[in-house]
């Protein structure tokens, strides 16, 4: 029974014959071999490696658990006769395999290709990955006690920082994994079904439609999109510190290019197939929808750029009119390019929202902005 359920979820994520998984692993093998032959060598401390593996795995796993597509599949399976624990563990195992083999494996391929590593570090990374998968699933299922779950996650992070070079680090990670397994053993299966279903808020009846109202309501129904945007605003405040003594004429355009990497608000057509069909079906929607959508992204970019410039003003006091004009230009251009990509090159054939968030297309606009920043700075 458990194997059958695992196959149901795994085939949805990897393809009917696991062709997506094989293609992905082949690409990672090529990346590893290419970087390994390049002779590039970067020193990476073990605790940094463990933190990267844990945070990346936990973040992707949370996105997978929050996926509406996965929640819909769970609802369909839920109608069949099943044993609760078999359903929970097959679901978590399938999402954990997806997270590790398609996302965390990319990080490990790059890290192990450009750094010296030992068997102990590989084993520690695997334990961190298993810990992150199980702990994320447990915290996700704790709908009424997530504060305690997040505190547990913070404690695990502190453990990595304090115990990474101790001989009992791996045994401690193993004990923590066993604890998470036992908590998952008694978890409520309904939490995985209904927590992932984000019911979209309907617009109130009005004589005139409002694209802006729809966009804000959509973000309100998808809290993780708002969290990502707030994180980008925090990055905007910190960026001037990272640039250090780099000349502002070079740093400012590069900062604008980095802050244009706000994936969620740039994929609203790709992630909502019903909206895309409705928009393309109705006449005149290229202008009626795309223009407000462009200015919506422009508004989000402008807030991030304003925080970036404000941080520069507080730290250096050297914000000029030219920087402000450049910010407006970059915000408008990146918004227009993002909308054009969504309209003419939407992302299709994706399985869960995580595929959208990490699709290579997300780097197209920031890469163009970096090139433009180089031209302006030169």
Protein backbone atom coordinates (compact mmCIF):
# COMPACT_ATOMS: atom_id res chain seq x y z
CA UNK A 1 0.00 0.00 0.00
CA UNK A 2 2.74 2.45 0.97
CA UNK A 3 4.75 1.74 -2.21
CA UNK A 4 1.64 2.26 -4.34
CA UNK A 5 0.95 5.62 -2.69
CA UNK A 6 4.60 6.63 -3.05
CA UNK A 7 4.44 5.83 -6.78
CA UNK A 8 1.35 8.01 -7.17
CA UNK A 9 3.08 11.06 -5.71
CA UNK A 10 6.48 10.32 -7.25
CA UNK A 11 5.12 9.94 -10.78
CA UNK A 12 3.33 13.27 -10.45
CA UNK A 13 6.63 14.93 -9.49
CA UNK A 14 9.11 13.04 -11.68
CA UNK A 15 6.98 11.96 -14.65
CA UNK A 16 5.22 8.71 -15.50
CA UNK A 17 8.53 6.92 -16.19
CA UNK A 18 10.67 9.15 -13.97
CA UNK A 19 12.02 10.86 -17.10
CA UNK A 20 12.22 14.28 -15.45
CA UNK A 21 14.36 12.86 -12.65
CA UNK A 22 16.77 11.13 -15.04
CA UNK A 23 17.12 14.28 -17.14
CA UNK A 24 17.75 16.42 -14.06
CA UNK A 25 20.38 14.08 -12.60
CA UNK A 26 22.16 13.94 -15.97
CA UNK A 27 22.36 17.74 -16.03
CA UNK A 28 23.73 17.82 -12.48
CA UNK A 29 26.34 15.19 -13.39
CA UNK A 30 27.46 17.34 -16.33
CA UNK A 31 27.63 20.42 -14.10
CA UNK A 32 29.68 18.54 -11.49
CA UNK A 33 32.10 17.13 -14.05
CA UNK A 34 32.52 20.48 -15.83
CA UNK A 35 33.23 22.43 -12.64
CA UNK A 36 35.52 19.70 -11.36
CA UNK A 37 37.60 19.84 -14.55
CA UNK A 38 37.75 23.64 -14.44
CA UNK A 39 40.23 23.54 -11.55
CA UNK A 40 38.22 26.08 -9.54
CA UNK A 41 38.83 25.64 -5.82
CA UNK A 42 36.79 27.33 -3.09
CA UNK A 43 37.26 26.70 0.62
CA UNK A 44 33.90 26.06 2.31
CA UNK A 45 33.72 25.47 6.05
CA UNK A 46 31.71 22.37 7.06
CA UNK A 47 29.21 24.35 9.16
CA UNK A 48 28.52 26.62 6.16
CA UNK A 49 27.92 23.51 4.04
CA UNK A 50 25.56 22.06 6.64
CA UNK A 51 23.66 25.34 6.97
CA UNK A 52 23.27 25.66 3.21
CA UNK A 53 22.02 22.09 2.85
CA UNK A 54 19.58 22.49 5.76
CA UNK A 55 18.12 25.84 4.72
CA UNK A 56 17.80 25.00 1.03
CA UNK A 57 16.20 21.63 1.77
CA UNK A 58 13.82 23.06 4.37
CA UNK A 59 12.80 25.95 2.12
CA UNK A 60 12.09 23.76 -0.92
CA UNK A 61 10.31 21.17 1.21
CA UNK A 62 8.04 23.84 2.68
CA UNK A 63 7.22 25.11 -0.82
CA UNK A 64 6.42 21.56 -1.93
CA UNK A 65 4.16 20.96 1.06
CA UNK A 66 2.41 24.29 0.41
CA UNK A 67 1.80 23.46 -3.25
CA UNK A 68 -1.84 23.57 -4.28
CA UNK A 69 -1.20 20.85 -6.88
CA UNK A 70 0.17 18.46 -4.28
CA UNK A 71 -2.71 19.26 -1.93
CA UNK A 72 -5.18 18.43 -4.72
CA UNK A 73 -3.46 15.08 -5.30
CA UNK A 74 -3.64 14.39 -1.57
CA UNK A 75 -7.37 15.12 -1.62
CA UNK A 76 -7.89 12.62 -4.43
CA UNK A 77 -5.91 9.92 -2.61
CA UNK A 78 -7.75 10.82 0.60
CA UNK A 79 -11.00 9.57 -0.96
CA UNK A 80 -9.51 6.08 -1.34
CA UNK A 81 -9.22 3.54 1.48
CA UNK A 82 -5.83 4.03 3.10
CA UNK A 83 -3.88 3.69 6.30
CA UNK A 84 -3.11 7.14 7.75
CA UNK A 85 0.56 6.58 8.50
CA UNK A 86 1.20 4.99 5.12
CA UNK A 87 -0.31 8.03 3.43
CA UNK A 88 1.71 10.52 5.49
CA UNK A 89 5.06 8.78 5.10
CA UNK A 90 4.63 8.03 1.40
CA UNK A 91 3.71 11.68 0.80
CA UNK A 92 6.63 13.04 2.86
CA UNK A 93 9.02 10.51 1.30
CA UNK A 94 8.00 11.49 -2.24
CA UNK A 95 8.35 15.22 -1.54
CA UNK A 96 11.62 14.62 0.30
CA UNK A 97 13.00 12.66 -2.65
CA UNK A 98 11.87 15.44 -5.00
CA UNK A 99 13.50 18.10 -2.80
CA UNK A 100 16.80 16.28 -2.47
CA UNK A 101 17.19 14.83 -5.98
CA UNK A 102 16.05 17.89 -7.96
CA UNK A 103 17.02 20.85 -5.77
CA UNK A 104 19.49 20.05 -2.96
CA UNK A 105 21.46 17.82 -5.34
CA UNK A 106 22.14 20.88 -7.51
CA UNK A 107 23.71 22.67 -4.54
CA UNK A 108 25.79 19.63 -3.59
CA UNK A 109 26.94 19.13 -7.19
CA UNK A 110 28.32 22.66 -7.31
CA UNK A 111 29.78 22.66 -3.79
CA UNK A 112 31.50 19.27 -4.05
CA UNK A 113 32.84 20.12 -7.51
CA UNK A 114 34.66 23.29 -6.40
CA UNK A 115 35.79 22.34 -2.89
CA UNK A 116 37.68 19.66 -1.02
CA UNK A 117 35.38 17.32 0.88
CA UNK A 118 35.57 14.26 3.07
CA UNK A 119 33.33 11.29 3.78
CA UNK A 120 32.37 12.85 7.12
CA UNK A 121 31.13 16.03 5.38
CA UNK A 122 29.11 13.99 2.89
CA UNK A 123 27.57 11.98 5.72
CA UNK A 124 26.88 15.14 7.73
CA UNK A 125 25.21 16.75 4.70
CA UNK A 126 22.96 13.71 4.24
CA UNK A 127 21.92 13.79 7.91
CA UNK A 128 21.22 17.53 7.65
CA UNK A 129 19.09 16.89 4.58
CA UNK A 130 17.07 14.14 6.28
CA UNK A 131 16.67 16.33 9.36
CA UNK A 132 15.42 19.24 7.28
CA UNK A 133 12.88 17.09 5.41
CA UNK A 134 11.45 15.47 8.52
CA UNK A 135 11.47 18.61 10.68
CA UNK A 136 9.81 20.68 7.94
CA UNK A 137 7.07 18.07 7.54
CA UNK A 138 6.49 17.99 11.29
CA UNK A 139 6.37 21.80 11.63
CA UNK A 140 4.04 22.01 8.62
CA UNK A 141 1.66 19.54 10.28
CA UNK A 142 1.65 21.54 13.55
CA UNK A 143 -1.00 24.01 12.49
CA UNK A 144 -1.73 25.18 16.04
CA UNK A 145 1.82 25.02 17.43
CA UNK A 146 4.02 26.27 14.63
CA UNK A 147 5.73 28.76 16.92
CA UNK A 148 7.11 25.81 18.89
CA UNK A 149 8.09 24.14 15.64
CA UNK A 150 9.99 27.19 14.41
CA UNK A 151 11.73 27.40 17.79
CA UNK A 152 12.76 23.79 17.31
CA UNK A 153 14.16 24.69 13.90
CA UNK A 154 16.11 27.59 15.39
CA UNK A 155 17.52 25.20 18.01
CA UNK A 156 18.61 22.80 15.27
CA UNK A 157 20.35 25.66 13.46
CA UNK A 158 22.13 26.63 16.66
CA UNK A 159 23.18 23.01 17.05
CA UNK A 160 24.82 23.06 13.64
CA UNK A 161 26.75 26.20 14.54
CA UNK A 162 27.89 24.86 17.91
CA UNK A 163 28.40 21.13 17.32
CA UNK A 164 29.54 20.86 13.69
CA UNK A 165 33.15 20.08 14.68
CA UNK A 166 32.26 17.79 17.60
CA UNK A 167 32.42 13.98 17.34
CA UNK A 168 28.79 13.71 18.50
CA UNK A 169 27.39 15.99 15.77
CA UNK A 170 26.19 13.13 13.54
CA UNK A 171 24.78 11.09 16.48
CA UNK A 172 22.93 14.23 17.65
CA UNK A 173 21.54 14.73 14.15
CA UNK A 174 20.45 11.09 14.09
CA UNK A 175 18.64 11.46 17.43
CA UNK A 176 16.91 14.61 16.18
CA UNK A 177 15.79 12.76 13.05
CA UNK A 178 14.37 9.93 15.15
CA UNK A 179 12.45 12.48 17.25
CA UNK A 180 11.03 14.08 14.10
CA UNK A 181 10.09 10.63 12.78
CA UNK A 182 8.19 9.82 15.98
CA UNK A 183 6.34 13.15 15.88
CA UNK A 184 5.47 12.53 12.23
CA UNK A 185 4.26 9.05 13.20
CA UNK A 186 1.50 10.69 15.25
CA UNK A 187 0.86 13.62 12.88
CA UNK A 188 -2.58 14.52 11.60
CA UNK A 189 -2.92 13.68 7.91
CA UNK A 190 -5.55 16.39 7.42
CA UNK A 191 -2.89 19.04 7.99
CA UNK A 192 -1.08 18.03 4.79
CA UNK A 193 -4.30 18.10 2.80
CA UNK A 194 -5.96 21.30 3.86
CA UNK A 195 -2.94 23.44 4.78
CA UNK A 196 -1.76 23.28 1.18
CA UNK A 197 -5.11 24.39 -0.20
CA UNK A 198 -5.13 28.14 -0.37
CA UNK A 199 -8.63 29.15 -1.28
CA UNK A 200 -8.44 32.24 -3.42
CA UNK A 201 -10.35 35.21 -2.21
CA UNK A 202 -13.14 36.19 -4.55
CA UNK A 203 -13.57 39.74 -5.63
CA UNK A 204 -16.69 41.52 -4.48
CA UNK A 205 -19.23 42.28 -7.15
CA UNK A 206 -18.50 45.59 -8.78
CA UNK A 207 -19.58 47.50 -11.84
CA UNK A 208 -15.96 47.68 -13.00
CA UNK A 209 -13.30 45.03 -12.83
CA UNK A 210 -9.99 45.89 -11.22
CA UNK A 211 -6.76 44.14 -12.13
CA UNK A 212 -5.06 45.89 -9.24
CA UNK A 213 -7.65 44.54 -6.80
CA UNK A 214 -7.15 41.04 -8.17
CA UNK A 215 -3.36 41.25 -7.84
CA UNK A 216 -3.49 42.45 -4.23
CA UNK A 217 -6.13 39.86 -3.33
CA UNK A 218 -4.01 37.15 -4.98
CA UNK A 219 -0.98 38.14 -2.92
CA UNK A 220 -3.14 38.22 0.18
CA UNK A 221 -4.19 34.61 -0.48
CA UNK A 222 -0.57 33.50 -1.05
CA UNK A 223 1.36 34.66 2.00
CA UNK A 224 4.64 33.12 0.78
CA UNK A 225 4.65 35.56 -2.15
CA UNK A 226 4.40 38.44 0.29
CA UNK A 227 7.15 36.96 2.46
CA UNK A 228 9.47 36.72 -0.54
CA UNK A 229 8.79 40.36 -1.40
CA UNK A 230 9.49 41.46 2.17
CA UNK A 231 12.74 39.48 2.11
CA UNK A 232 13.79 41.35 -1.02
CA UNK A 233 13.06 44.62 0.77
CA UNK A 234 15.28 43.49 3.64
CA UNK A 235 18.00 42.63 1.13
CA UNK A 236 17.64 46.14 -0.27
CA UNK A 237 18.45 47.59 3.16
CA UNK A 238 21.50 45.34 3.63
CA UNK A 239 23.02 45.55 0.13
CA UNK A 240 24.94 48.83 0.70
CA UNK A 241 26.81 47.14 3.57
CA UNK A 242 27.83 44.27 1.29
CA UNK A 243 29.12 46.60 -1.40
CA UNK A 244 31.58 48.09 1.08
CA UNK A 245 33.95 50.55 -0.57
CA UNK A 246 32.85 49.88 -4.15
CA UNK A 247 32.21 53.10 -6.05
CA UNK A 248 28.52 54.01 -6.00
CA UNK A 249 28.52 54.56 -9.76
CA UNK A 250 29.14 50.80 -10.11
CA UNK A 251 27.30 49.55 -7.02
CA UNK A 252 23.93 51.27 -7.53
CA UNK A 253 23.04 49.79 -10.97
CA UNK A 254 24.20 46.34 -9.82
CA UNK A 255 21.99 46.69 -6.73
CA UNK A 256 19.00 47.55 -8.92
CA UNK A 257 19.69 44.47 -11.07
CA UNK A 258 19.85 42.19 -8.01
CA UNK A 259 16.62 43.59 -6.57
CA UNK A 260 14.75 42.84 -9.81
CA UNK A 261 15.01 39.12 -8.87
CA UNK A 262 11.56 38.98 -7.25
CA UNK A 263 10.32 35.76 -8.82
CA UNK A 264 6.79 35.33 -7.36
CA UNK A 265 5.30 38.59 -8.59
CA UNK A 266 6.77 37.99 -12.07
CA UNK A 267 5.08 34.61 -12.66
CA UNK A 268 1.44 35.35 -11.86
CA UNK A 269 0.25 34.22 -15.30
CA UNK A 270 2.41 31.11 -15.35
CA UNK A 271 1.30 29.97 -11.89
CA UNK A 272 -2.42 30.54 -12.52
CA UNK A 273 -3.48 28.70 -15.67
CA UNK A 274 -7.13 29.66 -15.17
CA UNK A 275 -6.23 33.34 -15.13
CA UNK A 276 -4.05 32.97 -18.22
CA UNK A 277 -6.82 31.26 -20.18
CA UNK A 278 -9.34 33.91 -19.16
CA UNK A 279 -6.99 36.78 -20.03
CA UNK A 280 -6.08 35.34 -23.43
CA UNK A 281 -9.69 34.43 -24.25
CA UNK A 282 -11.11 37.91 -23.75
CA UNK A 283 -10.42 40.59 -26.39
CA UNK A 284 -8.09 43.50 -25.73
CA UNK A 285 -6.47 41.94 -22.68
CA UNK A 286 -2.92 42.62 -23.85
CA UNK A 287 -3.47 46.19 -22.77
CA UNK A 288 -6.24 45.80 -20.18
CA UNK A 289 -4.28 43.29 -18.09
CA UNK A 290 -0.63 43.71 -19.01
CA UNK A 291 -0.44 47.47 -18.42
CA UNK A 292 -1.75 47.35 -14.81
CA UNK A 293 0.36 44.23 -14.21
CA UNK A 294 3.44 46.09 -15.45
CA UNK A 295 2.79 49.02 -13.12
CA UNK A 296 2.13 46.61 -10.24
CA UNK A 297 5.61 45.09 -10.68
CA UNK A 298 6.99 48.61 -11.15
CA UNK A 299 5.48 49.57 -7.77
CA UNK A 300 7.05 46.56 -6.02
CA UNK A 301 10.43 47.29 -7.64
CA UNK A 302 10.19 50.97 -6.76
CA UNK A 303 9.64 50.19 -3.07
CA UNK A 304 12.72 47.94 -3.04
CA UNK A 305 14.81 50.52 -4.90
CA UNK A 306 13.64 53.29 -2.56
CA UNK A 307 14.72 51.26 0.46
CA UNK A 308 18.05 50.60 -1.23
CA UNK A 309 18.64 54.29 -1.92
CA UNK A 310 17.45 55.22 1.56
CA UNK A 311 19.96 52.79 3.05
CA UNK A 312 22.72 54.34 0.93
CA UNK A 313 21.68 57.83 2.07
CA UNK A 314 21.78 56.81 5.75
CA UNK A 315 25.18 55.13 5.45
CA UNK A 316 26.93 57.35 2.92
CA UNK A 317 24.72 60.39 2.29
CA UNK A 318 25.52 60.33 -1.42
CA UNK A 319 22.21 59.76 -3.19
CA UNK A 320 22.03 61.93 -6.30
CA UNK A 321 19.31 62.86 -8.76
CA UNK A 322 20.99 60.63 -11.35
CA UNK A 323 20.58 57.61 -9.01
CA UNK A 324 16.88 58.38 -8.57
CA UNK A 325 16.36 58.64 -12.34
CA UNK A 326 18.29 55.40 -12.84
CA UNK A 327 16.10 53.68 -10.23
CA UNK A 328 12.90 54.74 -12.02
CA UNK A 329 14.32 53.60 -15.36
CA UNK A 330 15.44 50.20 -14.03
CA UNK A 331 12.16 49.62 -12.17
CA UNK A 332 10.07 50.36 -15.25
CA UNK A 333 12.29 48.44 -17.69
CA UNK A 334 12.53 45.30 -15.54
CA UNK A 335 8.75 45.37 -14.98
CA UNK A 336 8.08 45.69 -18.71
CA UNK A 337 10.48 42.88 -19.58
CA UNK A 338 8.97 40.62 -16.91
CA UNK A 339 5.45 41.17 -18.26
CA UNK A 340 6.59 40.58 -21.84
CA UNK A 341 8.18 37.29 -20.80
CA UNK A 342 4.99 36.24 -19.02
CA UNK A 343 2.83 37.14 -22.00
CA UNK A 344 4.93 35.68 -24.81
CA UNK A 345 6.94 32.97 -22.97
CA UNK A 346 4.84 31.68 -20.04
CA UNK A 347 6.19 28.70 -18.11
CA UNK A 348 4.10 25.60 -18.74
CA UNK A 349 4.26 21.87 -18.00
CA UNK A 350 5.38 22.47 -14.42
CA UNK A 351 4.37 20.08 -11.65
CA UNK A 352 4.47 22.16 -8.46
CA UNK A 353 5.04 25.83 -7.66
CA UNK A 354 8.64 25.15 -6.66
CA UNK A 355 9.40 24.40 -10.32
CA UNK A 356 8.19 27.89 -11.18
CA UNK A 357 10.16 29.63 -8.45
CA UNK A 358 13.40 27.96 -9.54
CA UNK A 359 12.91 27.93 -13.31
CA UNK A 360 15.99 29.24 -15.20
CA UNK A 361 13.81 31.89 -16.82
CA UNK A 362 13.85 33.81 -13.53
CA UNK A 363 17.43 34.90 -14.30
CA UNK A 364 16.72 36.34 -17.75
CA UNK A 365 15.58 39.82 -16.66
CA UNK A 366 18.17 40.20 -13.84
CA UNK A 367 20.92 39.10 -16.27
CA UNK A 368 19.82 41.74 -18.78
CA UNK A 369 19.72 44.29 -15.99
CA UNK A 370 23.28 43.36 -14.93
CA UNK A 371 24.47 43.82 -18.52
CA UNK A 372 22.74 47.18 -18.68
CA UNK A 373 24.25 48.12 -15.30
CA UNK A 374 27.69 47.31 -16.66
CA UNK A 375 27.07 49.50 -19.70
CA UNK A 376 25.86 52.40 -17.55
CA UNK A 377 28.72 52.05 -15.06
CA UNK A 378 31.24 51.86 -17.90
